[in-house]
Protein backbone atom coordinates (compact mmCIF):
# COMPACT_ATOMS: atom_id res chain seq x y z
CA MET A 1 102.82 94.69 7.68
CA ILE A 2 101.44 97.68 6.07
CA VAL A 3 97.92 96.21 5.84
CA ARG A 4 96.18 94.62 8.60
CA VAL A 5 93.89 91.91 7.77
CA SER A 6 91.40 89.96 9.74
CA ASN A 7 88.90 87.60 8.72
CA THR A 8 87.56 86.01 12.20
CA PRO A 9 85.97 88.97 14.14
CA ARG A 10 84.72 88.12 17.60
CA PRO A 11 80.99 87.67 18.26
CA HIS A 12 79.17 91.14 18.51
CA PRO A 13 76.81 92.04 21.08
CA GLY A 14 74.07 93.11 18.94
CA PRO A 15 72.25 96.22 17.91
CA ILE A 16 74.44 99.57 18.86
CA ARG A 17 72.14 102.37 19.64
CA GLY A 18 68.52 103.37 19.26
CA GLU A 19 66.89 105.00 16.82
CA GLN A 20 66.37 108.84 17.09
CA ALA A 21 63.13 110.38 18.27
CA GLU A 22 61.00 111.20 15.33
CA PRO A 23 59.32 115.03 14.54
CA THR A 24 55.65 114.99 16.23
CA ALA A 25 52.96 115.44 13.61
CA ASP A 26 52.29 119.21 12.49
CA VAL A 27 50.29 117.94 9.74
CA ASP A 28 47.20 115.95 9.42
CA ARG A 29 48.31 112.84 7.46
CA SER A 30 44.61 112.56 6.29
CA ASP A 31 44.81 115.81 4.38
CA PRO A 32 44.28 115.69 0.78
CA GLU A 33 46.50 118.19 0.06
CA TYR A 34 49.23 116.74 1.99
CA ARG A 35 48.68 113.43 0.42
CA ALA A 36 48.74 114.75 -2.91
CA TRP A 37 52.22 116.44 -2.08
CA LEU A 38 53.48 113.13 -0.56
CA ALA A 39 52.51 110.99 -3.72
CA GLU A 40 53.77 113.46 -6.09
CA ALA A 41 57.13 113.78 -4.16
CA VAL A 42 57.50 109.90 -3.87
CA ARG A 43 56.71 109.83 -7.95
CA LYS A 44 59.53 112.58 -8.72
CA VAL A 45 62.16 110.43 -6.48
CA ARG A 46 60.94 106.91 -7.97
CA ALA A 47 60.97 108.64 -11.44
CA GLU A 48 64.28 109.82 -11.00
CA GLY A 49 65.82 106.40 -10.23
CA ASN A 50 64.37 105.03 -13.72
CA ARG A 51 66.23 107.33 -15.11
CA SER A 52 69.78 107.23 -13.48
CA ALA A 53 69.92 104.05 -11.19
CA ASP A 54 72.55 102.20 -13.07
CA THR A 55 76.05 102.95 -13.49
CA HIS A 56 78.93 101.16 -15.61
CA LEU A 57 80.69 98.43 -14.32
CA LEU A 58 84.50 99.17 -15.98
CA SER A 59 87.29 95.92 -16.22
CA PHE A 60 90.39 96.86 -14.69
CA PRO A 61 93.00 95.82 -16.78
CA LEU A 62 95.09 92.63 -15.62
CA PRO A 63 96.41 89.74 -17.82
CA GLU A 64 93.98 87.20 -18.91
CA SER A 65 96.58 84.83 -17.94
CA TRP A 66 96.24 85.20 -14.01
CA GLY A 67 92.69 83.71 -14.39
CA VAL A 68 91.13 86.50 -12.07
CA ASP A 69 89.32 89.78 -13.15
CA LEU A 70 88.72 92.87 -11.74
CA TYR A 71 85.86 95.09 -12.02
CA LEU A 72 84.90 98.79 -10.85
CA LYS A 73 81.47 99.88 -10.26
CA ASP A 74 81.57 103.55 -11.73
CA GLU A 75 79.31 105.14 -9.14
CA SER A 76 80.79 108.88 -9.93
CA THR A 77 78.64 108.94 -13.04
CA HIS A 78 75.50 109.54 -11.05
CA PRO A 79 73.77 112.76 -11.64
CA THR A 80 75.52 114.05 -8.34
CA GLY A 81 78.47 112.15 -8.94
CA SER A 82 78.73 109.42 -6.22
CA LEU A 83 78.02 106.27 -4.60
CA LYS A 84 75.86 108.23 -2.29
CA HIS A 85 73.27 109.08 -4.60
CA ARG A 86 71.83 105.72 -4.29
CA LEU A 87 71.80 106.23 -0.33
CA ALA A 88 70.33 109.51 -0.54
CA ARG A 89 67.31 108.15 -2.81
CA SER A 90 66.53 105.70 -0.40
CA LEU A 91 66.88 107.74 2.35
CA PHE A 92 64.19 110.25 0.93
CA LEU A 93 62.09 107.35 -0.05
CA TYR A 94 62.25 106.03 3.56
CA GLY A 95 61.51 109.53 5.59
CA LEU A 96 58.60 110.43 3.00
CA CYS A 97 56.99 106.75 3.15
CA ASN A 98 57.49 106.86 6.80
CA GLY A 99 55.66 110.22 6.94
CA TRP A 100 59.21 111.99 8.38
CA ILE A 101 60.00 114.36 5.48
CA ARG A 102 56.63 117.05 5.49
CA PRO A 103 56.15 119.98 2.91
CA ALA A 104 57.96 123.24 3.66
CA ARG A 105 59.80 121.24 6.66
CA PRO A 106 63.66 121.07 6.17
CA VAL A 107 65.91 118.00 5.87
CA ILE A 108 69.31 117.70 8.01
CA GLU A 109 71.81 115.57 7.58
CA ALA A 110 75.40 115.05 9.32
CA SER A 111 77.94 114.42 6.07
CA SER A 112 81.38 114.74 5.48
CA GLY A 113 80.46 116.06 2.02
CA SER A 114 79.42 113.24 -0.89
CA THR A 115 76.01 112.15 1.33
CA ALA A 116 74.69 115.82 1.57
CA VAL A 117 75.42 116.60 -2.02
CA SER A 118 72.90 113.92 -3.09
CA GLU A 119 70.63 114.96 -0.52
CA ALA A 120 70.73 118.83 -1.55
CA TYR A 121 69.86 117.47 -4.98
CA PHE A 122 66.84 115.34 -3.87
CA ALA A 123 65.64 117.94 -1.52
CA LYS A 124 65.50 120.35 -4.27
CA LEU A 125 63.52 117.73 -6.79
CA ILE A 126 60.82 117.65 -4.04
CA GLY A 127 60.91 121.29 -2.98
CA VAL A 128 61.92 121.00 0.67
CA PRO A 129 64.54 122.96 2.12
CA PHE A 130 68.22 121.16 3.10
CA VAL A 131 70.80 121.75 5.59
CA ALA A 132 74.11 119.80 5.85
CA VAL A 133 75.82 119.78 9.24
CA VAL A 134 79.70 119.29 7.85
CA PRO A 135 82.77 119.25 9.57
CA ARG A 136 84.94 122.67 8.51
CA THR A 137 87.36 120.23 6.81
CA THR A 138 85.02 119.63 4.50
CA SER A 139 86.84 119.46 0.88
CA SER A 140 85.55 123.50 -0.85
CA GLU A 141 84.32 121.59 -3.75
CA LYS A 142 81.90 119.30 -2.05
CA THR A 143 80.58 122.51 -0.31
CA ARG A 144 80.21 124.38 -3.24
CA LEU A 145 78.12 121.29 -4.73
CA ILE A 146 76.00 121.03 -1.38
CA GLU A 147 75.33 124.90 -2.16
CA PHE A 148 74.98 124.22 -6.10
CA HIS A 149 72.23 121.98 -5.65
CA GLY A 150 70.23 124.50 -3.28
CA GLY A 151 71.48 123.21 0.15
CA THR A 152 73.14 125.16 2.93
CA CYS A 153 76.21 124.39 4.84
CA HIS A 154 76.28 124.37 8.82
CA PHE A 155 80.08 124.31 9.69
CA VAL A 156 81.07 122.49 12.59
CA ASP A 157 84.68 122.45 14.32
CA ASP A 158 84.65 119.15 15.82
CA ALA A 159 84.03 116.22 13.39
CA ALA A 160 81.88 114.24 16.09
CA SER A 161 79.42 116.72 17.23
CA VAL A 162 78.04 116.34 13.75
CA TYR A 163 75.07 113.91 15.12
CA ALA A 164 74.12 116.47 18.02
CA VAL A 165 73.75 119.23 16.26
CA SER A 166 71.91 117.94 13.16
CA ALA A 167 69.65 116.56 15.99
CA ALA A 168 69.06 120.07 17.89
CA LEU A 169 68.93 121.48 14.45
CA ALA A 170 66.16 119.26 13.57
CA GLU A 171 64.57 119.76 16.89
CA GLU A 172 64.76 123.62 16.60
CA THR A 173 63.66 123.83 13.20
CA GLY A 174 60.43 121.32 13.39
CA GLY A 175 62.52 119.31 10.45
CA HIS A 176 63.76 115.79 9.96
CA PHE A 177 67.00 114.65 10.61
CA LEU A 178 67.86 112.07 8.10
CA ASP A 179 70.67 110.22 10.20
CA GLN A 180 72.06 108.42 7.52
CA PHE A 181 74.58 106.59 9.75
CA THR A 182 71.28 104.88 11.36
CA TYR A 183 69.38 103.97 8.27
CA ALA A 184 71.42 103.13 5.75
CA GLU A 185 71.00 99.79 6.41
CA ARG A 186 67.57 99.60 6.44
CA ALA A 187 66.54 102.41 3.76
CA THR A 188 67.88 100.14 0.95
CA ASP A 189 65.63 97.69 -0.47
CA TRP A 190 68.44 94.89 -0.31
CA ARG A 191 66.57 91.96 -1.96
CA GLY A 192 66.43 93.60 -5.33
CA ASN A 193 65.07 96.81 -7.25
CA ASN A 194 67.86 97.58 -8.84
CA ASN A 195 70.11 98.42 -5.51
CA ILE A 196 73.81 98.31 -6.38
CA ALA A 197 74.04 94.48 -5.35
CA GLU A 198 71.72 93.24 -8.46
CA SER A 199 73.15 95.92 -10.86
CA VAL A 200 76.41 94.43 -10.28
CA PHE A 201 75.22 90.59 -10.38
CA ARG A 202 73.57 91.51 -13.42
CA GLN A 203 76.16 92.89 -15.23
CA LEU A 204 78.64 90.08 -14.73
CA GLU A 205 76.00 87.50 -15.98
CA ARG A 206 78.04 86.95 -19.43
CA GLU A 207 81.66 87.51 -18.24
CA ARG A 208 83.86 84.64 -17.43
CA HIS A 209 83.06 84.78 -13.60
CA PRO A 210 79.75 85.95 -13.15
CA VAL A 211 79.89 85.20 -9.58
CA PRO A 212 82.65 87.18 -7.78
CA ALA A 213 84.70 85.52 -5.38
CA TRP A 214 84.78 88.99 -3.22
CA ILE A 215 82.85 92.28 -3.42
CA VAL A 216 84.89 94.92 -1.52
CA ALA A 217 83.11 97.75 -0.18
CA THR A 218 84.66 100.63 1.82
CA ALA A 219 82.40 101.72 4.65
CA GLY A 220 81.26 105.37 5.73
CA THR A 221 77.77 104.37 7.08
CA GLY A 222 78.00 100.49 6.16
CA GLY A 223 75.09 100.89 4.43
CA THR A 224 76.57 99.35 1.09
CA SER A 225 78.46 96.71 2.44
CA ALA A 226 75.14 95.80 4.42
CA THR A 227 72.97 95.76 0.71
CA PHE A 228 75.65 93.60 -0.53
CA ALA A 229 75.93 90.92 1.92
CA ARG A 230 72.14 90.72 2.75
CA TYR A 231 71.52 90.51 -1.32
CA ILE A 232 74.40 87.59 -1.58
CA ARG A 233 72.63 85.54 1.14
CA TYR A 234 69.37 85.81 -0.04
CA LEU A 235 70.17 84.50 -3.26
CA SER A 236 72.73 81.85 -2.00
CA TYR A 237 75.72 83.09 -3.89
CA GLU A 238 79.24 82.11 -2.35
CA THR A 239 80.77 85.43 -2.39
CA GLY A 240 82.79 87.32 0.58
CA VAL A 241 82.37 90.72 1.61
CA CYS A 242 85.47 92.38 2.58
CA VAL A 243 85.45 96.42 3.76
CA PRO A 244 88.72 98.08 4.05
CA ASP A 245 88.97 100.45 6.47
CA PRO A 246 90.97 104.06 6.34
CA GLU A 247 93.53 105.27 9.10
CA ASN A 248 91.68 107.19 11.97
CA SER A 249 88.51 105.13 11.87
CA CYS A 250 87.29 102.70 14.52
CA PHE A 251 85.29 100.07 12.08
CA PHE A 252 88.26 97.52 11.89
CA GLU A 253 88.72 97.61 15.54
CA GLY A 254 85.32 97.60 16.43
CA TRP A 255 84.55 94.44 14.05
CA VAL A 256 87.54 92.42 15.39
CA GLU A 257 86.92 92.92 19.09
CA GLY A 258 83.31 93.07 18.76
CA ASP A 259 83.26 96.29 21.04
CA PRO A 260 80.48 98.79 19.87
CA GLU A 261 81.80 101.29 22.10
CA VAL A 262 85.02 101.54 20.44
CA VAL A 263 86.27 105.12 19.24
CA SER A 264 88.73 106.91 17.19
CA ARG A 265 89.93 110.23 18.76
CA SER A 266 91.17 111.62 15.04
CA ALA A 267 88.98 112.12 11.71
CA SER A 268 89.52 110.26 9.01
CA ARG A 269 91.78 111.83 6.14
CA ILE A 270 89.87 109.59 3.38
CA GLU A 271 86.35 111.65 2.57
CA GLY A 272 83.62 109.55 3.21
CA ILE A 273 84.48 106.41 4.68
CA GLY A 274 86.11 106.10 7.98
CA ARG A 275 84.08 106.96 11.40
CA PRO A 276 85.14 108.06 14.76
CA ARG A 277 82.46 105.59 16.16
CA MET A 278 80.71 102.49 15.66
CA GLU A 279 78.00 103.66 13.54
CA PRO A 280 74.31 102.07 14.00
CA SER A 281 73.69 100.80 10.28
CA PHE A 282 77.43 99.43 9.99
CA VAL A 283 76.49 95.43 10.58
CA THR A 284 79.57 93.70 11.62
CA SER A 285 77.42 90.20 11.06
CA ALA A 286 77.49 91.05 7.25
CA VAL A 287 81.00 91.37 7.03
CA ASP A 288 82.89 88.47 5.95
CA ARG A 289 86.69 90.24 6.46
CA MET A 290 88.18 93.56 6.94
CA MET A 291 91.21 95.25 6.02
CA LYS A 292 93.24 98.43 7.83
CA VAL A 293 94.69 100.33 5.00
CA PRO A 294 97.21 103.12 5.56
CA ASP A 295 96.17 106.60 3.99
CA ALA A 296 99.45 106.93 1.90
CA ALA A 297 98.37 103.56 0.21
CA SER A 298 94.73 104.69 -0.60
CA VAL A 299 96.23 108.05 -2.31
CA ALA A 300 98.88 105.28 -4.29
CA ALA A 301 95.92 103.63 -5.37
CA VAL A 302 93.83 106.51 -6.82
CA ARG A 303 97.16 108.04 -8.45
CA GLU A 304 97.96 104.44 -9.88
CA LEU A 305 94.11 104.28 -11.19
CA GLU A 306 94.76 107.40 -12.98
CA ARG A 307 97.88 105.91 -14.48
CA VAL A 308 96.17 102.96 -15.83
CA MET A 309 92.61 103.78 -16.70
CA GLY A 310 92.74 107.36 -17.01
CA ARG A 311 90.39 108.30 -14.40
CA ARG A 312 90.64 110.43 -11.39
CA ALA A 313 88.73 109.28 -8.26
CA GLY A 314 88.51 110.09 -4.64
CA GLY A 315 90.24 108.65 -1.66
CA SER A 316 87.62 106.14 -0.74
CA THR A 317 88.13 104.21 -4.02
CA GLY A 318 91.95 104.03 -3.49
CA THR A 319 90.93 102.22 -0.12
CA GLY A 320 89.26 100.01 -2.16
CA LEU A 321 91.03 99.45 -5.11
CA TRP A 322 94.13 98.63 -2.83
CA SER A 323 92.24 95.86 -0.63
CA ALA A 324 90.91 94.46 -3.98
CA LEU A 325 94.18 94.31 -5.92
CA ARG A 326 95.47 92.53 -2.50
CA ILE A 327 93.30 89.74 -2.92
CA VAL A 328 94.06 89.55 -6.53
CA GLY A 329 97.56 88.93 -5.57
CA GLU A 330 96.04 86.21 -2.91
CA MET A 331 94.16 84.53 -5.50
CA ARG A 332 96.97 84.68 -8.07
CA ALA A 333 99.27 83.25 -5.50
CA GLU A 334 97.12 80.37 -4.44
CA GLY A 335 96.05 79.42 -7.87
CA ARG A 336 92.28 80.11 -7.32
CA ARG A 337 90.39 81.75 -10.74
CA GLY A 338 87.77 84.35 -9.96
CA SER A 339 86.46 87.91 -10.17
CA VAL A 340 87.05 90.71 -7.61
CA VAL A 341 84.52 93.88 -7.38
CA THR A 342 84.88 96.90 -6.26
CA LEU A 343 83.67 100.83 -6.43
CA ILE A 344 84.59 104.18 -7.53
CA CYS A 345 82.98 105.92 -5.24
CA ASP A 346 83.10 109.49 -6.71
CA PRO A 347 85.40 111.53 -8.79
CA GLY A 348 88.75 112.79 -8.03
CA GLU A 349 88.22 116.26 -9.49
CA ARG A 350 86.30 117.09 -5.90
CA TYR A 351 89.50 116.42 -4.40
CA LEU A 352 92.69 118.21 -6.12
CA ASP A 353 93.78 120.05 -3.32
CA LYS A 354 93.70 117.17 -1.17
CA TYR A 355 94.91 113.30 -2.75
CA TYR A 356 96.15 115.08 -5.95
CA SER A 357 97.93 117.68 -4.57
CA ASP A 358 101.92 116.93 -3.28
CA ALA A 359 101.66 120.13 -1.00
CA TRP A 360 98.78 118.28 0.88
CA LEU A 361 100.47 115.17 1.09
CA ALA A 362 103.96 116.79 2.19
CA ALA A 363 101.67 118.75 5.08
CA GLU A 364 99.95 115.60 6.13
CA GLY A 365 103.14 113.15 6.21
CA LEU A 366 102.12 110.89 3.64
CA GLU A 367 104.69 109.23 1.69
CA ILE A 368 103.50 107.55 -1.14
CA ALA A 369 105.85 106.37 -3.29
CA PRO A 370 107.01 102.88 -1.80
CA TYR A 371 102.83 102.17 -2.13
CA ARG A 372 103.25 103.24 -5.76
CA GLU A 373 106.44 101.08 -6.19
CA LEU A 374 104.37 98.17 -4.76
CA LEU A 375 101.30 98.75 -7.03
CA ARG A 376 103.39 98.82 -10.00
CA HIS A 377 105.54 95.82 -9.01
CA PHE A 378 102.49 93.51 -8.92
CA LEU A 379 101.05 94.96 -11.99
CA ASP A 380 103.97 94.24 -13.73
CA THR A 381 104.65 90.72 -12.30
CA GLY A 382 101.57 89.21 -10.57
CA GLU A 383 103.66 89.14 -7.37
CA TRP A 384 102.29 91.05 -4.09
CA THR A 385 105.50 91.74 -2.03
CA GLU A 386 103.43 93.41 0.82
CA ALA A 387 106.18 92.37 3.44
CA THR A 388 109.16 94.23 1.81
CA THR A 389 107.41 97.48 1.83
CA PRO A 390 108.49 100.13 4.61
């Protein structure tokens, strides 16, 4: 089988890790100047949300006779070009309102790229320094964008060291480690306030299947899947949440085995998703189903997205699209009608030297042709023939 699928996780033992120690107070929180700075910083971040919080919900072209509709929430249209723009806004509001982000003190993040790009934007918006601790393998376009928005990149050779290095830098500078991998699931107001889940369900209101059968959301921190799941349960929708996981990531294995200590020894080739450890913000009990998706299938899916819709997207979009199309194939085979939603996480222009480079594919030993053939066969016939693909 080219995709490992599981709908039945073992019970998870509960919270994985404690929270980081927060910075000691070095400002008087009651000082009028600080309170004025804080109020203005929060106003700027919230005003930015009013201008840019919503994004388009695109319809992927499938025959109407199939009875199943597929939608892609295009998060690449945010000002910083990715789904992580929402997360960065939430993390900054969370840090500001907790008193952790302070005037002139740096904010620091461990990131594979896109989150750091968005956080650099918000740091510049409120006038504080920003440092991104990123693996040296991060795409050059992402590091350029971090610096374009006023941030500084601190490179590490070992991707697993980004957490410790970020915490150490925060300690040394008296700054705040944003720690997306701990706070992503709690920083977002999952009950509404124009979060991504509320936006999707509102945009589907006039569609023929307004309550989707499945939401497919890949995981880097797990914050997006948690937001969708909580919103769905809060409003009692009969919608499942599926999280596809790329190679060299431990989320699938940790979810199935209920093991918070499972790790992956290699870094994910699909930037922005997949982690070497079970992150604290990945809420396993919020996930109804997971799939393990080969990296070659993820790349094949974004190449087909460009062919079908004329849009280039990053590899994480391909991981989600592959899984969403597989679910569409299952629904069609079982005679079920309904809709499926997945995400365009960021633009493909950031990865021209990776997922759109045949030389990179060859260097990585990725053969995408069989997966592209499977997708084309499915889109032409409606038959998902995964078992026959090597």
